[in-house]
Amino acid sequence: MPTAPADARIFTFPGWRDNPYVQILSQDVIDHGFEIAGRPDFDEALTELTSPEHRGIIHVQWTSPVTEWAINAKDARVRADLFLDALHSAKQWGRKIIWTVHNVLPHDAEYPKTNLYLQEGLARLADKIHVISPATVELAAEYFAIPAEKVVVIPHSSYEGVYGPAEDRAAAREKIGADPAATAALFFGWIRPYKGLEHLAEAAEIATRGGAELQVLLAGRPQGDVDHILRALDEGATPVVKYLKRILPEDVASWFSAADVLVLPYHAILNSGNMFLAATYGLPIILPDAPHLVGEYGDQAWIRFFDRERPAEHIAELLAEGWYADPAAREAALAFAASRPPAEMSARFAALVESLT
């Protein structure tokens, strides 16, 4: 990619600049002279998009901030209209729009009809639509159309070099207060209803009462109606090591190094950064058997899929089998991570940007 002109600029919404995925994706365009602007505040985004003097590419990522602070359904629709109208105005002044589709629809959405309306509008307005999973267009088609001619597939990379190196397992367990001997099943990141923590809680109970020497590592901040699930874990037979706050970047390696397996017991999933974070640390994972996941990753020796018709029971069985303890599973995870270097994802996004400048 050639050096960007001095006035090259990308306005991102929401401007979550501390998000590691965003940082990796943006690195190459930054290295080539682009200014990355953007803030998560909705009103500030409207000011940017409706100001004729502002120039540069617009990059929309997560759409939830448009509606999540609405006071009711009517207000959510007003906010969605304001956002789409602002994008339309920006296009009239010659600005190009890239939309990265992280989810078919935002998770745990309070106003699903408005969120669908917003996704439909973005699909119409965007000049290029960046999808992470090649199944995105097909999965979205049940709800709205993504024009195939706009689609650019840029797969998720590993997080190599983003966090600290892997740690000695015993030292990592001592650091977070985990049992040095028991199998450690990790649940990491935001604890939200759609992530299905109740499936892991029930699975751990089944496995422990069946004789498995198991512990749950729970690291992340709760959001939404999950208190009853956390109580069930506390009151269950399986020991739980928990840190219910934001995990600092310097502590990420400790949690992944201490674990034997990462469990993603999600109700719904299109893409998951945790999957690629686990691969970075050579950590096997358990995923739901969504067809697009099985189709894309079914041949990976470091991944097992649980039956979504009987999630807790099947997760318990997978935890009891111990397949994740095979060194070959960890080696396969590391090999997968090596095949997804961050520099490649960043370079491909830079090429997408270049195609619009």
Protein backbone atom coordinates (compact mmCIF):
# COMPACT_ATOMS: atom_id res chain seq x y z
CA MET A 1 0.00 0.00 0.00
CA PRO A 2 1.44 3.45 -0.88
CA THR A 3 1.97 6.13 1.73
CA ALA A 4 -1.31 7.84 2.52
CA PRO A 5 -1.83 11.51 1.73
CA ALA A 6 -1.36 13.91 4.62
CA ASP A 7 -5.11 14.42 5.07
CA ALA A 8 -5.97 10.68 5.06
CA ARG A 9 -8.41 9.92 7.85
CA ILE A 10 -10.65 7.10 9.03
CA PHE A 11 -13.52 7.85 11.39
CA THR A 12 -14.53 4.75 13.35
CA PHE A 13 -17.75 4.08 15.20
CA PRO A 14 -17.75 3.15 17.94
CA GLY A 15 -14.27 4.46 18.63
CA TRP A 16 -13.19 1.58 20.85
CA ARG A 17 -9.50 2.18 20.33
CA ASP A 18 -8.50 0.03 23.31
CA ASN A 19 -10.07 -3.06 21.73
CA PRO A 20 -7.21 -5.40 20.73
CA TYR A 21 -9.00 -6.56 17.58
CA VAL A 22 -9.47 -2.94 16.47
CA GLN A 23 -5.82 -2.24 17.20
CA ILE A 24 -4.61 -5.14 15.06
CA LEU A 25 -7.01 -4.30 12.23
CA SER A 26 -5.90 -0.65 12.14
CA GLN A 27 -2.16 -1.06 12.53
CA ASP A 28 -1.20 -1.17 8.86
CA VAL A 29 -3.27 1.86 7.86
CA ILE A 30 -1.76 3.79 10.78
CA ASP A 31 1.73 2.77 9.66
CA HIS A 32 0.90 4.19 6.23
CA GLY A 33 -0.06 7.58 7.55
CA PHE A 34 -3.78 7.41 8.19
CA GLU A 35 -5.25 9.20 11.17
CA ILE A 36 -7.73 7.03 13.08
CA ALA A 37 -10.45 9.19 14.64
CA GLY A 38 -13.61 8.22 16.43
CA ARG A 39 -15.30 8.09 19.80
CA PRO A 40 -17.98 5.81 21.23
CA ASP A 41 -20.33 8.70 22.05
CA PHE A 42 -23.40 8.65 19.81
CA ASP A 43 -23.96 12.43 19.74
CA GLU A 44 -20.33 13.09 18.87
CA ALA A 45 -20.59 10.59 16.03
CA LEU A 46 -23.63 12.42 14.65
CA THR A 47 -21.72 15.71 14.78
CA GLU A 48 -18.86 14.16 12.83
CA LEU A 49 -21.09 12.58 10.21
CA THR A 50 -23.26 15.64 9.62
CA SER A 51 -20.41 18.16 9.39
CA PRO A 52 -19.53 18.89 5.72
CA GLU A 53 -16.00 19.95 6.63
CA HIS A 54 -15.11 16.48 7.87
CA ARG A 55 -13.60 14.11 5.33
CA GLY A 56 -12.23 10.59 5.16
CA ILE A 57 -13.51 7.03 5.24
CA ILE A 58 -16.17 6.03 7.77
CA HIS A 59 -15.71 2.65 9.41
CA VAL A 60 -18.73 1.29 11.28
CA GLN A 61 -18.14 -1.74 13.48
CA TRP A 62 -20.44 -2.66 16.38
CA THR A 63 -23.90 -1.12 16.04
CA SER A 64 -25.17 -1.73 19.58
CA PRO A 65 -24.18 1.77 20.85
CA VAL A 66 -26.77 3.30 18.50
CA THR A 67 -29.71 1.81 20.42
CA GLU A 68 -28.49 0.47 23.76
CA TRP A 69 -28.90 3.83 25.56
CA ALA A 70 -32.40 4.45 24.19
CA ILE A 71 -35.08 5.11 26.83
CA ASN A 72 -37.77 3.17 24.94
CA ALA A 73 -38.56 1.58 21.56
CA LYS A 74 -39.59 4.88 19.98
CA ASP A 75 -36.34 6.53 21.06
CA ALA A 76 -34.35 3.57 19.70
CA ARG A 77 -35.97 4.02 16.28
CA VAL A 78 -35.27 7.77 16.36
CA ARG A 79 -31.62 7.12 17.15
CA ALA A 80 -31.36 4.55 14.35
CA ASP A 81 -32.90 7.02 11.88
CA LEU A 82 -30.55 9.79 13.01
CA PHE A 83 -27.54 7.52 12.51
CA LEU A 84 -28.60 6.28 9.08
CA ASP A 85 -29.53 9.81 7.94
CA ALA A 86 -26.14 11.05 9.10
CA LEU A 87 -24.38 8.32 7.13
CA HIS A 88 -26.44 9.20 4.07
CA SER A 89 -25.42 12.85 4.41
CA ALA A 90 -21.77 11.89 4.68
CA LYS A 91 -22.06 9.82 1.50
CA GLN A 92 -23.59 12.80 -0.29
CA TRP A 93 -20.39 14.68 0.47
CA GLY A 94 -18.31 11.92 -1.05
CA ARG A 95 -17.33 9.92 2.01
CA LYS A 96 -16.99 6.15 1.68
CA ILE A 97 -18.33 3.69 4.26
CA ILE A 98 -16.88 0.35 5.40
CA TRP A 99 -19.03 -1.81 7.65
CA THR A 100 -17.44 -4.66 9.60
CA VAL A 101 -20.13 -7.23 10.44
CA HIS A 102 -19.32 -8.71 13.84
CA ASN A 103 -22.79 -10.14 14.47
CA VAL A 104 -25.83 -10.77 12.29
CA LEU A 105 -27.78 -8.86 14.95
CA PRO A 106 -26.45 -7.35 18.21
CA HIS A 107 -26.50 -9.81 21.11
CA ASP A 108 -29.10 -9.46 23.89
CA ALA A 109 -30.73 -6.62 21.95
CA GLU A 110 -33.64 -4.89 23.72
CA TYR A 111 -35.04 -3.55 20.45
CA PRO A 112 -34.53 -6.33 17.89
CA LYS A 113 -36.81 -4.85 15.21
CA THR A 114 -34.93 -1.56 15.30
CA ASN A 115 -31.59 -3.35 15.28
CA LEU A 116 -32.67 -5.26 12.18
CA TYR A 117 -33.78 -1.99 10.55
CA LEU A 118 -30.34 -0.55 11.35
CA GLN A 119 -28.50 -3.54 9.87
CA GLU A 120 -30.62 -3.33 6.71
CA GLY A 121 -29.79 0.34 6.36
CA LEU A 122 -26.08 -0.24 6.81
CA ALA A 123 -26.12 -2.97 4.19
CA ARG A 124 -27.62 -0.48 1.72
CA LEU A 125 -25.35 2.45 2.58
CA ALA A 126 -21.98 0.73 2.96
CA ASP A 127 -19.61 0.84 0.01
CA LYS A 128 -17.74 -2.24 1.28
CA ILE A 129 -18.87 -4.80 3.82
CA HIS A 130 -16.09 -6.56 5.70
CA VAL A 131 -17.12 -10.00 6.96
CA ILE A 132 -15.00 -12.09 9.29
CA SER A 133 -16.75 -15.41 8.75
CA PRO A 134 -17.36 -16.56 5.15
CA ALA A 135 -20.80 -17.76 6.30
CA THR A 136 -21.95 -14.26 7.26
CA VAL A 137 -23.91 -13.50 4.08
CA GLU A 138 -25.77 -16.81 4.24
CA LEU A 139 -26.57 -16.48 7.95
CA ALA A 140 -27.69 -12.87 7.59
CA ALA A 141 -29.99 -13.75 4.68
CA GLU A 142 -32.59 -15.05 7.12
CA TYR A 143 -32.97 -11.47 8.38
CA PHE A 144 -31.61 -9.07 5.76
CA ALA A 145 -29.66 -9.06 2.49
CA ILE A 146 -25.96 -8.30 2.26
CA PRO A 147 -25.11 -7.45 -1.37
CA ALA A 148 -22.49 -9.97 -2.49
CA GLU A 149 -20.67 -7.41 -4.66
CA LYS A 150 -19.84 -5.35 -1.58
CA VAL A 151 -18.41 -8.20 0.50
CA VAL A 152 -14.74 -8.50 1.42
CA VAL A 153 -13.75 -11.49 3.58
CA ILE A 154 -10.93 -10.78 6.05
CA PRO A 155 -10.68 -13.62 8.59
CA HIS A 156 -9.92 -13.03 12.25
CA SER A 157 -6.25 -13.25 13.16
CA SER A 158 -4.56 -14.62 16.23
CA TYR A 159 -3.46 -12.27 19.01
CA GLU A 160 0.23 -13.07 18.67
CA GLY A 161 2.28 -10.26 20.21
CA VAL A 162 -0.73 -8.45 21.67
CA TYR A 163 -0.62 -9.87 25.19
CA GLY A 164 2.22 -11.38 27.19
CA PRO A 165 3.82 -14.74 26.41
CA ALA A 166 2.42 -18.00 27.75
CA GLU A 167 3.31 -18.69 31.37
CA ASP A 168 4.26 -21.84 33.25
CA ARG A 169 0.97 -23.51 34.15
CA ALA A 170 1.80 -24.04 37.82
CA ALA A 171 2.92 -20.44 38.22
CA ALA A 172 -0.15 -19.13 36.42
CA ARG A 173 -2.46 -21.17 38.66
CA GLU A 174 -0.72 -19.94 41.77
CA LYS A 175 -1.05 -16.36 40.52
CA ILE A 176 -4.83 -16.56 40.06
CA GLY A 177 -5.48 -18.84 43.03
CA ALA A 178 -6.42 -21.99 41.14
CA ASP A 179 -6.00 -25.61 42.26
CA PRO A 180 -2.66 -26.88 40.90
CA ALA A 181 -4.04 -30.36 40.16
CA ALA A 182 -7.71 -30.17 39.13
CA THR A 183 -8.73 -29.79 35.48
CA ALA A 184 -9.44 -26.11 34.78
CA ALA A 185 -12.29 -25.11 32.42
CA LEU A 186 -12.09 -21.42 31.53
CA PHE A 187 -14.91 -18.99 30.76
CA PHE A 188 -13.40 -15.65 29.76
CA GLY A 189 -14.71 -12.19 28.90
CA TRP A 190 -17.99 -10.34 29.34
CA ILE A 191 -20.52 -12.49 31.22
CA ARG A 192 -23.72 -11.82 29.27
CA PRO A 193 -26.96 -13.82 28.88
CA TYR A 194 -26.30 -14.90 25.29
CA LYS A 195 -23.02 -16.52 26.30
CA GLY A 196 -24.79 -19.41 28.01
CA LEU A 197 -22.79 -19.58 31.23
CA GLU A 198 -25.68 -21.55 32.74
CA HIS A 199 -24.74 -24.44 30.41
CA LEU A 200 -21.22 -24.51 31.81
CA ALA A 201 -22.52 -24.24 35.38
CA GLU A 202 -24.79 -27.25 34.88
CA ALA A 203 -22.13 -29.17 32.96
CA ALA A 204 -19.60 -28.63 35.73
CA GLU A 205 -22.13 -29.92 38.27
CA ILE A 206 -22.78 -33.04 36.19
CA ALA A 207 -19.08 -33.71 35.61
CA THR A 208 -18.09 -33.16 39.24
CA ARG A 209 -20.87 -35.37 40.62
CA GLY A 210 -19.78 -37.97 38.08
CA GLY A 211 -16.30 -38.06 39.61
CA ALA A 212 -14.34 -35.53 37.54
CA GLU A 213 -11.79 -33.45 39.41
CA LEU A 214 -12.81 -30.14 37.89
CA GLN A 215 -12.62 -26.42 38.60
CA VAL A 216 -14.13 -23.49 36.72
CA LEU A 217 -12.05 -20.41 36.00
CA LEU A 218 -14.40 -17.45 35.56
CA ALA A 219 -12.83 -14.19 34.43
CA GLY A 220 -14.82 -11.22 33.21
CA ARG A 221 -17.32 -8.52 34.04
CA PRO A 222 -21.03 -9.43 34.41
CA GLN A 223 -23.54 -7.54 32.27
CA GLY A 224 -27.27 -8.14 32.17
CA ASP A 225 -29.35 -10.75 33.96
CA VAL A 226 -26.69 -13.24 35.03
CA ASP A 227 -26.75 -13.02 38.85
CA HIS A 228 -28.75 -16.25 39.18
CA ILE A 229 -26.18 -18.10 37.08
CA LEU A 230 -23.32 -16.82 39.22
CA ARG A 231 -25.19 -17.93 42.36
CA ALA A 232 -25.68 -21.39 40.89
CA LEU A 233 -21.95 -21.66 40.28
CA ASP A 234 -21.17 -20.51 43.82
CA GLU A 235 -23.61 -23.02 45.31
CA GLY A 236 -22.58 -25.94 43.09
CA ALA A 237 -20.23 -28.81 43.77
CA THR A 238 -17.47 -27.55 41.46
CA PRO A 239 -14.87 -25.13 42.87
CA VAL A 240 -14.87 -21.77 41.10
CA VAL A 241 -11.99 -19.33 40.79
CA LYS A 242 -13.50 -16.03 39.74
CA TYR A 243 -12.53 -12.47 39.01
CA LEU A 244 -15.66 -10.54 38.10
CA LYS A 245 -13.99 -7.42 36.78
CA ARG A 246 -12.33 -6.33 33.57
CA ILE A 247 -9.23 -8.43 33.02
CA LEU A 248 -6.19 -6.19 32.59
CA PRO A 249 -4.11 -6.90 29.48
CA GLU A 250 -1.12 -7.94 31.57
CA ASP A 251 -3.21 -10.65 33.28
CA VAL A 252 -4.72 -12.27 30.16
CA ALA A 253 -1.81 -14.68 29.69
CA SER A 254 -2.17 -15.95 33.27
CA TRP A 255 -5.80 -17.04 32.83
CA PHE A 256 -5.21 -18.76 29.49
CA SER A 257 -1.99 -20.39 30.70
CA ALA A 258 -3.71 -21.72 33.83
CA ALA A 259 -6.55 -23.38 31.88
CA ASP A 260 -6.81 -26.83 30.33
CA VAL A 261 -9.72 -25.97 28.05
CA LEU A 262 -11.78 -22.91 27.10
CA VAL A 263 -15.55 -23.40 27.04
CA LEU A 264 -17.71 -21.16 24.85
CA PRO A 265 -21.22 -22.36 25.80
CA TYR A 266 -22.89 -19.63 23.72
CA HIS A 267 -26.51 -19.62 22.64
CA ALA A 268 -25.58 -17.66 19.50
CA ILE A 269 -22.25 -17.01 17.84
CA LEU A 270 -21.03 -15.71 14.50
CA ASN A 271 -17.47 -14.80 15.42
CA SER A 272 -15.61 -15.01 18.73
CA GLY A 273 -12.33 -13.30 19.50
CA ASN A 274 -11.90 -15.64 22.47
CA MET A 275 -11.52 -18.53 20.07
CA PHE A 276 -8.50 -16.91 18.44
CA LEU A 277 -7.11 -15.81 21.79
CA ALA A 278 -7.25 -19.42 22.95
CA ALA A 279 -5.40 -20.57 19.82
CA THR A 280 -2.70 -17.99 20.51
CA TYR A 281 -1.99 -19.72 23.84
CA GLY A 282 -2.36 -23.25 22.48
CA LEU A 283 -5.57 -23.79 24.45
CA PRO A 284 -8.16 -26.30 23.17
CA ILE A 285 -11.78 -25.12 23.09
CA ILE A 286 -15.37 -26.35 23.19
CA LEU A 287 -17.77 -24.60 20.78
CA PRO A 288 -21.49 -24.92 19.97
CA ASP A 289 -22.23 -27.14 16.98
CA ALA A 290 -23.55 -24.28 14.82
CA PRO A 291 -23.31 -25.49 11.21
CA HIS A 292 -21.12 -22.61 10.05
CA LEU A 293 -18.62 -23.32 12.84
CA VAL A 294 -18.53 -27.05 12.19
CA GLY A 295 -18.18 -26.39 8.47
CA GLU A 296 -15.25 -24.04 8.90
CA TYR A 297 -13.43 -25.62 11.85
CA GLY A 298 -14.67 -29.21 11.97
CA ASP A 299 -11.27 -30.60 10.99
CA GLN A 300 -9.39 -28.84 13.81
CA ALA A 301 -7.95 -31.25 16.41
CA TRP A 302 -8.01 -28.59 19.13
CA ILE A 303 -11.79 -27.99 18.86
CA ARG A 304 -14.77 -30.04 19.98
CA PHE A 305 -18.42 -29.13 19.39
CA PHE A 306 -21.23 -29.58 21.88
CA ASP A 307 -24.74 -30.58 20.89
CA ARG A 308 -26.97 -27.51 21.24
CA GLU A 309 -29.97 -29.79 21.83
CA ARG A 310 -28.38 -31.06 25.07
CA PRO A 311 -25.71 -28.47 25.87
CA ALA A 312 -24.97 -29.08 29.55
CA GLU A 313 -24.91 -32.88 29.28
CA HIS A 314 -22.67 -32.87 26.22
CA ILE A 315 -20.27 -30.25 27.61
CA ALA A 316 -19.97 -32.41 30.75
CA GLU A 317 -19.12 -35.42 28.59
CA LEU A 318 -16.51 -33.46 26.64
CA LEU A 319 -14.95 -32.22 29.88
CA ALA A 320 -14.84 -35.75 31.28
CA GLU A 321 -13.18 -37.22 28.18
CA GLY A 322 -9.93 -35.34 28.67
CA TRP A 323 -9.12 -35.04 24.92
CA TYR A 324 -7.78 -31.52 25.57
CA ALA A 325 -4.92 -32.95 27.64
CA ASP A 326 -3.34 -34.52 24.54
CA PRO A 327 -0.26 -32.45 23.59
CA ALA A 328 -1.30 -32.83 19.95
CA ALA A 329 -4.42 -30.76 20.66
CA ARG A 330 -2.34 -27.88 22.00
CA GLU A 331 0.09 -28.16 19.12
CA ALA A 332 -2.82 -27.98 16.67
CA ALA A 333 -4.08 -24.81 18.37
CA LEU A 334 -0.68 -23.17 18.08
CA ALA A 335 -0.40 -24.21 14.44
CA PHE A 336 -3.81 -22.69 13.74
CA ALA A 337 -2.73 -19.43 15.40
CA ALA A 338 0.46 -19.38 13.33
CA SER A 339 -1.67 -19.66 10.18
CA ARG A 340 -3.56 -16.49 11.14
CA PRO A 341 -0.83 -13.85 11.70
CA PRO A 342 -2.07 -10.40 12.83
CA ALA A 343 0.05 -8.69 10.17
CA GLU A 344 -1.89 -10.44 7.41
CA MET A 345 -5.27 -9.32 8.73
CA SER A 346 -4.00 -5.78 9.11
CA ALA A 347 -2.54 -5.73 5.60
CA ARG A 348 -5.76 -7.02 4.06
CA PHE A 349 -7.78 -4.34 5.81
CA ALA A 350 -5.32 -1.73 4.58
CA ALA A 351 -5.83 -3.00 1.04
CA LEU A 352 -9.58 -2.61 1.53
CA VAL A 353 -9.09 0.97 2.66
CA GLU A 354 -6.80 1.66 -0.30
CA SER A 355 -9.49 0.42 -2.68
CA LEU A 356 -11.73 3.28 -1.50
CA THR A 357 -9.16 6.11 -1.48
